[in-house]
Amino acid sequence: MMKQAITAPDVRHVIGRVARGLMARGGEGVENVIYRLSEQPLKDPQFQLPEPATKPVVKYLDQSLKQAETLDKELADALAKIAPALRWEQSESYTDEVLGEGFKDNYAWAELIGPKGFFPGDDYLMGFLLLGPHRHYLDHFHPAPELYWPLTEPSEWKKGDDQPFVPRRQGEVIWHPSLVTHATITHEKPLLAFYCWTRNVKVGARLVALMK
């Protein structure tokens, strides 16, 4: 049972802290994300409380939020406040058979904006990815342009076919243009990362391993 009701201003506060953090850093894709965010209906009449749902990986959320405090304590606190109302989901095609034993217990995402989030969105998704330690999120792609903003570290990211993995720091902006293959590796700590799909959101991600 939630200790207190989650309200539209609570969620808008999280979204606002993310927007301010991205604008302060800049980088490829940030202008796209912020412009499309400005077009989203985030007023009280559009607010909806999703049916909360959890996944095994959520056991890492508290420690990830603790690390995120070193990047933006106000954001970490605001996200902790709405955490009991988050609906954590998984993509149906992401199985242990494809992604390795234990992957499903170490992966989930939750929307702030989108059909499973607090605001429905207009061809726009915004939320958080949680990935457990020592995981390889294999090559995948999707029509939607995508921005990631890691709130924790260490993690490594690959963008493009046959490209090397590159270490990414906490708070570094990562942009994936439409249909560009990308992948992620975590090490001894879990990854909590903000993500945003700015257009063409109805077609989900496709794992390259399932196409062979």
C-alpha atoms as a PDB file:
ATOM      1  CA  MET A   1       0.000   0.000   0.000  1.00  0.00           C
ATOM      2  CA  MET A   2       1.341   3.423  -0.908  1.00  0.00           C
ATOM      3  CA  LYS A   3       2.050   5.733   2.013  1.00  0.00           C
ATOM      4  CA  GLN A   4       0.735   8.749   0.131  1.00  0.00           C
ATOM      5  CA  ALA A   5      -1.037   9.490  -3.111  1.00  0.00           C
ATOM      6  CA  ILE A   6       1.115  10.235  -6.142  1.00  0.00           C
ATOM      7  CA  THR A   7      -0.067  13.384  -7.912  1.00  0.00           C
ATOM      8  CA  ALA A   8       0.445  15.012 -11.296  1.00  0.00           C
ATOM      9  CA  PRO A   9       2.799  17.648  -9.787  1.00  0.00           C
ATOM     10  CA  ASP A  10       4.936  14.858  -8.293  1.00  0.00           C
ATOM     11  CA  VAL A  11       5.466  13.305 -11.722  1.00  0.00           C
ATOM     12  CA  ARG A  12       5.909  16.658 -13.460  1.00  0.00           C
ATOM     13  CA  HIS A  13       8.622  17.420 -10.903  1.00  0.00           C
ATOM     14  CA  VAL A  14      10.563  14.316 -11.979  1.00  0.00           C
ATOM     15  CA  ILE A  15      10.109  15.222 -15.652  1.00  0.00           C
ATOM     16  CA  GLY A  16      11.176  18.797 -14.976  1.00  0.00           C
ATOM     17  CA  ARG A  17      14.350  17.745 -13.168  1.00  0.00           C
ATOM     18  CA  VAL A  18      15.267  15.465 -16.073  1.00  0.00           C
ATOM     19  CA  ALA A  19      14.623  18.264 -18.582  1.00  0.00           C
ATOM     20  CA  ARG A  20      16.750  20.722 -16.608  1.00  0.00           C
ATOM     21  CA  GLY A  21      19.540  18.198 -16.262  1.00  0.00           C
ATOM     22  CA  LEU A  22      19.604  17.502 -19.978  1.00  0.00           C
ATOM     23  CA  MET A  23      19.491  21.180 -20.934  1.00  0.00           C
ATOM     24  CA  ALA A  24      22.358  21.926 -18.557  1.00  0.00           C
ATOM     25  CA  ARG A  25      24.539  19.315 -20.242  1.00  0.00           C
ATOM     26  CA  GLY A  26      23.408  19.612 -23.835  1.00  0.00           C
ATOM     27  CA  GLY A  27      24.560  17.144 -26.452  1.00  0.00           C
ATOM     28  CA  GLU A  28      23.211  15.332 -29.472  1.00  0.00           C
ATOM     29  CA  GLY A  29      19.488  14.674 -29.270  1.00  0.00           C
ATOM     30  CA  VAL A  30      18.765  16.916 -26.272  1.00  0.00           C
ATOM     31  CA  GLU A  31      17.100  19.637 -28.345  1.00  0.00           C
ATOM     32  CA  ASN A  32      14.925  16.992 -30.011  1.00  0.00           C
ATOM     33  CA  VAL A  33      13.862  15.546 -26.652  1.00  0.00           C
ATOM     34  CA  ILE A  34      13.071  18.932 -25.103  1.00  0.00           C
ATOM     35  CA  TYR A  35      11.196  20.239 -28.131  1.00  0.00           C
ATOM     36  CA  ARG A  36       9.001  17.143 -28.311  1.00  0.00           C
ATOM     37  CA  LEU A  37       8.494  17.274 -24.552  1.00  0.00           C
ATOM     38  CA  SER A  38       7.124  20.800 -24.938  1.00  0.00           C
ATOM     39  CA  GLU A  39       4.432  19.378 -27.243  1.00  0.00           C
ATOM     40  CA  GLN A  40       3.222  16.785 -24.732  1.00  0.00           C
ATOM     41  CA  PRO A  41      -0.065  17.230 -22.818  1.00  0.00           C
ATOM     42  CA  LEU A  42       1.036  17.066 -19.180  1.00  0.00           C
ATOM     43  CA  LYS A  43      -1.857  18.891 -17.531  1.00  0.00           C
ATOM     44  CA  ASP A  44      -3.870  17.463 -14.637  1.00  0.00           C
ATOM     45  CA  PRO A  45      -6.757  16.255 -16.856  1.00  0.00           C
ATOM     46  CA  GLN A  46      -4.339  13.953 -18.729  1.00  0.00           C
ATOM     47  CA  PHE A  47      -2.855  12.493 -15.543  1.00  0.00           C
ATOM     48  CA  GLN A  48      -3.500   8.821 -14.862  1.00  0.00           C
ATOM     49  CA  LEU A  49      -2.218   6.484 -12.172  1.00  0.00           C
ATOM     50  CA  PRO A  50      -0.958   3.247 -13.753  1.00  0.00           C
ATOM     51  CA  GLU A  51      -1.560  -0.057 -12.029  1.00  0.00           C
ATOM     52  CA  PRO A  52       1.723  -0.494 -10.125  1.00  0.00           C
ATOM     53  CA  ALA A  53       3.785  -3.551 -11.052  1.00  0.00           C
ATOM     54  CA  THR A  54       7.184  -4.729  -9.968  1.00  0.00           C
ATOM     55  CA  LYS A  55       9.892  -7.029 -11.348  1.00  0.00           C
ATOM     56  CA  PRO A  56      12.810  -8.805  -9.629  1.00  0.00           C
ATOM     57  CA  VAL A  57      15.343  -6.189 -10.810  1.00  0.00           C
ATOM     58  CA  VAL A  58      13.545  -3.512  -8.771  1.00  0.00           C
ATOM     59  CA  LYS A  59      15.501  -4.814  -5.770  1.00  0.00           C
ATOM     60  CA  TYR A  60      18.345  -2.674  -7.145  1.00  0.00           C
ATOM     61  CA  LEU A  61      16.330   0.545  -7.325  1.00  0.00           C
ATOM     62  CA  ASP A  62      17.135   1.898  -3.862  1.00  0.00           C
ATOM     63  CA  GLN A  63      20.888   1.506  -4.247  1.00  0.00           C
ATOM     64  CA  SER A  64      20.716   2.973  -7.761  1.00  0.00           C
ATOM     65  CA  LEU A  65      18.817   6.001  -6.474  1.00  0.00           C
ATOM     66  CA  LYS A  66      21.441   6.419  -3.769  1.00  0.00           C
ATOM     67  CA  GLN A  67      24.135   6.601  -6.431  1.00  0.00           C
ATOM     68  CA  ALA A  68      21.977   8.908  -8.549  1.00  0.00           C
ATOM     69  CA  GLU A  69      21.989  11.403  -5.664  1.00  0.00           C
ATOM     70  CA  THR A  70      25.575  12.275  -6.581  1.00  0.00           C
ATOM     71  CA  LEU A  71      24.327  13.470  -9.968  1.00  0.00           C
ATOM     72  CA  ASP A  72      21.086  15.185  -8.913  1.00  0.00           C
ATOM     73  CA  LYS A  73      19.777  14.631  -5.393  1.00  0.00           C
ATOM     74  CA  GLU A  74      16.523  16.463  -6.113  1.00  0.00           C
ATOM     75  CA  LEU A  75      15.831  14.171  -9.058  1.00  0.00           C
ATOM     76  CA  ALA A  76      16.714  11.058  -7.065  1.00  0.00           C
ATOM     77  CA  ASP A  77      14.430  12.117  -4.220  1.00  0.00           C
ATOM     78  CA  ALA A  78      11.589  12.983  -6.601  1.00  0.00           C
ATOM     79  CA  LEU A  79      11.900   9.620  -8.350  1.00  0.00           C
ATOM     80  CA  ALA A  80      11.969   7.797  -5.006  1.00  0.00           C
ATOM     81  CA  LYS A  81       8.708   9.524  -4.069  1.00  0.00           C
ATOM     82  CA  ILE A  82       6.835   8.240  -7.129  1.00  0.00           C
ATOM     83  CA  ALA A  83       8.588   4.837  -7.197  1.00  0.00           C
ATOM     84  CA  PRO A  84       5.735   2.961  -5.444  1.00  0.00           C
ATOM     85  CA  ALA A  85       3.399   3.932  -8.312  1.00  0.00           C
ATOM     86  CA  LEU A  86       5.682   2.881 -11.170  1.00  0.00           C
ATOM     87  CA  ARG A  87       4.568   0.110 -13.494  1.00  0.00           C
ATOM     88  CA  TRP A  88       7.687  -1.903 -14.324  1.00  0.00           C
ATOM     89  CA  GLU A  89       7.461  -3.779 -17.631  1.00  0.00           C
ATOM     90  CA  GLN A  90       9.521  -6.058 -19.871  1.00  0.00           C
ATOM     91  CA  SER A  91       9.543  -6.605 -23.618  1.00  0.00           C
ATOM     92  CA  GLU A  92       8.004  -9.985 -24.443  1.00  0.00           C
ATOM     93  CA  SER A  93      10.769 -11.008 -26.857  1.00  0.00           C
ATOM     94  CA  TYR A  94      13.475 -10.465 -24.222  1.00  0.00           C
ATOM     95  CA  THR A  95      13.952 -13.985 -22.898  1.00  0.00           C
ATOM     96  CA  ASP A  96      16.776 -15.706 -21.049  1.00  0.00           C
ATOM     97  CA  GLU A  97      17.165 -18.032 -24.019  1.00  0.00           C
ATOM     98  CA  VAL A  98      18.202 -15.084 -26.174  1.00  0.00           C
ATOM     99  CA  LEU A  99      19.819 -12.693 -23.695  1.00  0.00           C
ATOM    100  CA  GLY A 100      21.416 -15.091 -21.247  1.00  0.00           C
ATOM    101  CA  GLU A 101      20.416 -16.873 -18.063  1.00  0.00           C
ATOM    102  CA  GLY A 102      18.966 -14.512 -15.491  1.00  0.00           C
ATOM    103  CA  PHE A 103      18.428 -11.575 -17.836  1.00  0.00           C
ATOM    104  CA  LYS A 104      14.693 -11.286 -17.176  1.00  0.00           C
ATOM    105  CA  ASP A 105      15.346 -11.082 -13.450  1.00  0.00           C
ATOM    106  CA  ASN A 106      17.756  -8.209 -14.133  1.00  0.00           C
ATOM    107  CA  TYR A 107      15.864  -5.989 -16.547  1.00  0.00           C
ATOM    108  CA  ALA A 108      12.768  -3.781 -16.594  1.00  0.00           C
ATOM    109  CA  TRP A 109      11.558  -0.353 -17.666  1.00  0.00           C
ATOM    110  CA  ALA A 110       8.907   2.011 -16.367  1.00  0.00           C
ATOM    111  CA  GLU A 111       7.203   4.829 -18.248  1.00  0.00           C
ATOM    112  CA  LEU A 112       6.530   8.330 -17.023  1.00  0.00           C
ATOM    113  CA  ILE A 113       5.021   9.378 -20.351  1.00  0.00           C
ATOM    114  CA  GLY A 114       3.440   6.690 -22.519  1.00  0.00           C
ATOM    115  CA  PRO A 115       0.457   4.333 -22.510  1.00  0.00           C
ATOM    116  CA  LYS A 116       1.738   2.573 -19.363  1.00  0.00           C
ATOM    117  CA  GLY A 117       2.847   5.759 -17.631  1.00  0.00           C
ATOM    118  CA  PHE A 118       1.294   8.726 -15.851  1.00  0.00           C
ATOM    119  CA  PHE A 119       0.625  10.797 -18.976  1.00  0.00           C
ATOM    120  CA  PRO A 120      -0.407   9.106 -22.260  1.00  0.00           C
ATOM    121  CA  GLY A 121       1.961  11.042 -24.521  1.00  0.00           C
ATOM    122  CA  ASP A 122       1.669  11.947 -28.192  1.00  0.00           C
ATOM    123  CA  ASP A 123       4.049   9.677 -30.145  1.00  0.00           C
ATOM    124  CA  TYR A 124       6.532  10.103 -27.307  1.00  0.00           C
ATOM    125  CA  LEU A 125       7.837   7.832 -24.536  1.00  0.00           C
ATOM    126  CA  MET A 126       9.786   8.845 -21.452  1.00  0.00           C
ATOM    127  CA  GLY A 127      10.819   6.647 -18.579  1.00  0.00           C
ATOM    128  CA  PHE A 128      13.573   4.745 -16.786  1.00  0.00           C
ATOM    129  CA  LEU A 129      15.505   1.567 -17.530  1.00  0.00           C
ATOM    130  CA  LEU A 130      16.857  -0.600 -14.716  1.00  0.00           C
ATOM    131  CA  LEU A 131      19.485  -3.201 -15.613  1.00  0.00           C
ATOM    132  CA  GLY A 132      21.158  -5.464 -13.081  1.00  0.00           C
ATOM    133  CA  PRO A 133      24.923  -5.938 -12.683  1.00  0.00           C
ATOM    134  CA  HIS A 134      27.016  -8.025 -15.062  1.00  0.00           C
ATOM    135  CA  ARG A 135      24.461  -7.942 -17.876  1.00  0.00           C
ATOM    136  CA  HIS A 136      24.801  -7.657 -21.657  1.00  0.00           C
ATOM    137  CA  TYR A 137      21.814  -5.994 -23.288  1.00  0.00           C
ATOM    138  CA  LEU A 138      22.436  -7.337 -26.770  1.00  0.00           C
ATOM    139  CA  ASP A 139      22.348  -5.462 -30.081  1.00  0.00           C
ATOM    140  CA  HIS A 140      18.895  -4.106 -30.867  1.00  0.00           C
ATOM    141  CA  PHE A 141      17.309  -1.306 -32.858  1.00  0.00           C
ATOM    142  CA  HIS A 142      13.985   0.467 -33.375  1.00  0.00           C
ATOM    143  CA  PRO A 143      12.477   3.173 -35.585  1.00  0.00           C
ATOM    144  CA  ALA A 144      12.266   5.638 -32.699  1.00  0.00           C
ATOM    145  CA  PRO A 145      15.179   8.007 -32.129  1.00  0.00           C
ATOM    146  CA  GLU A 146      16.289   7.482 -28.547  1.00  0.00           C
ATOM    147  CA  LEU A 147      18.165   9.348 -25.846  1.00  0.00           C
ATOM    148  CA  TYR A 148      19.648   7.709 -22.762  1.00  0.00           C
ATOM    149  CA  TRP A 149      20.923   9.550 -19.696  1.00  0.00           C
ATOM    150  CA  PRO A 150      22.658   7.193 -17.237  1.00  0.00           C
ATOM    151  CA  LEU A 151      22.056   8.172 -13.618  1.00  0.00           C
ATOM    152  CA  THR A 152      24.583   5.580 -12.382  1.00  0.00           C
ATOM    153  CA  GLU A 153      27.905   4.095 -13.478  1.00  0.00           C
ATOM    154  CA  PRO A 154      29.898   2.226 -14.626  1.00  0.00           C
ATOM    155  CA  SER A 155      28.377   1.036 -17.899  1.00  0.00           C
ATOM    156  CA  GLU A 156      29.528   0.582 -21.485  1.00  0.00           C
ATOM    157  CA  TRP A 157      27.566   1.411 -24.620  1.00  0.00           C
ATOM    158  CA  LYS A 158      27.896   0.508 -28.274  1.00  0.00           C
ATOM    159  CA  LYS A 159      26.357   2.448 -31.156  1.00  0.00           C
ATOM    160  CA  GLY A 160      26.454   1.084 -34.706  1.00  0.00           C
ATOM    161  CA  ASP A 161      27.253  -2.288 -36.250  1.00  0.00           C
ATOM    162  CA  ASP A 162      30.753  -3.621 -35.559  1.00  0.00           C
ATOM    163  CA  GLN A 163      31.581  -0.701 -33.279  1.00  0.00           C
ATOM    164  CA  PRO A 164      33.404  -1.093 -29.948  1.00  0.00           C
ATOM    165  CA  PHE A 165      31.839  -0.629 -26.536  1.00  0.00           C
ATOM    166  CA  VAL A 166      32.695   2.721 -24.960  1.00  0.00           C
ATOM    167  CA  PRO A 167      32.612   3.511 -21.222  1.00  0.00           C
ATOM    168  CA  ARG A 168      29.982   6.152 -20.422  1.00  0.00           C
ATOM    169  CA  ARG A 169      30.032   8.303 -17.320  1.00  0.00           C
ATOM    170  CA  GLN A 170      27.164   9.046 -14.992  1.00  0.00           C
ATOM    171  CA  GLY A 171      25.191  11.946 -16.483  1.00  0.00           C
ATOM    172  CA  GLU A 172      26.607  11.584 -20.002  1.00  0.00           C
ATOM    173  CA  VAL A 173      24.054  12.000 -22.796  1.00  0.00           C
ATOM    174  CA  ILE A 174      23.788   9.074 -25.256  1.00  0.00           C
ATOM    175  CA  TRP A 175      21.837   9.498 -28.506  1.00  0.00           C
ATOM    176  CA  HIS A 176      20.710   6.693 -30.832  1.00  0.00           C
ATOM    177  CA  PRO A 177      19.329   7.848 -34.193  1.00  0.00           C
ATOM    178  CA  SER A 178      16.466   5.918 -35.772  1.00  0.00           C
ATOM    179  CA  LEU A 179      17.274   2.275 -36.635  1.00  0.00           C
ATOM    180  CA  VAL A 180      20.882   2.477 -35.421  1.00  0.00           C
ATOM    181  CA  THR A 181      21.930  -0.731 -33.655  1.00  0.00           C
ATOM    182  CA  HIS A 182      23.038  -0.289 -30.055  1.00  0.00           C
ATOM    183  CA  ALA A 183      23.852  -2.356 -26.957  1.00  0.00           C
ATOM    184  CA  THR A 184      24.771  -1.930 -23.286  1.00  0.00           C
ATOM    185  CA  ILE A 185      26.970  -3.740 -20.768  1.00  0.00           C
ATOM    186  CA  THR A 186      26.847  -3.346 -16.992  1.00  0.00           C
ATOM    187  CA  HIS A 187      29.602  -4.340 -14.583  1.00  0.00           C
ATOM    188  CA  GLU A 188      29.624  -4.634 -10.799  1.00  0.00           C
ATOM    189  CA  LYS A 189      26.807  -2.134 -10.255  1.00  0.00           C
ATOM    190  CA  PRO A 190      23.282  -1.974 -11.694  1.00  0.00           C
ATOM    191  CA  LEU A 191      22.349   0.694 -14.223  1.00  0.00           C
ATOM    192  CA  LEU A 192      19.532   3.172 -13.749  1.00  0.00           C
ATOM    193  CA  ALA A 193      19.071   5.308 -16.844  1.00  0.00           C
ATOM    194  CA  PHE A 194      16.508   7.785 -18.087  1.00  0.00           C
ATOM    195  CA  TYR A 195      15.339   7.106 -21.654  1.00  0.00           C
ATOM    196  CA  CYS A 196      13.213   8.918 -24.197  1.00  0.00           C
ATOM    197  CA  TRP A 197      11.783   7.890 -27.576  1.00  0.00           C
ATOM    198  CA  THR A 198      10.861  11.022 -29.488  1.00  0.00           C
ATOM    199  CA  ARG A 199       8.869   9.686 -32.471  1.00  0.00           C
ATOM    200  CA  ASN A 200       7.683   6.443 -34.127  1.00  0.00           C
ATOM    201  CA  VAL A 201       7.122   4.844 -30.732  1.00  0.00           C
ATOM    202  CA  LYS A 202       4.529   2.250 -31.722  1.00  0.00           C
ATOM    203  CA  VAL A 203       7.122  -0.158 -33.160  1.00  0.00           C
ATOM    204  CA  GLY A 204       9.150  -1.808 -30.409  1.00  0.00           C
ATOM    205  CA  ALA A 205      12.785  -2.793 -30.286  1.00  0.00           C
ATOM    206  CA  ARG A 206      14.038  -5.760 -32.304  1.00  0.00           C
ATOM    207  CA  LEU A 207      16.918  -7.909 -31.128  1.00  0.00           C
ATOM    208  CA  VAL A 208      19.457  -8.608 -33.846  1.00  0.00           C
ATOM    209  CA  ALA A 209      19.959 -12.119 -32.395  1.00  0.00           C
ATOM    210  CA  LEU A 210      16.354 -12.984 -33.277  1.00  0.00           C
ATOM    211  CA  MET A 211      16.888 -12.073 -36.921  1.00  0.00           C
ATOM    212  CA  LYS A 212      19.651 -14.583 -37.593  1.00  0.00           C
END
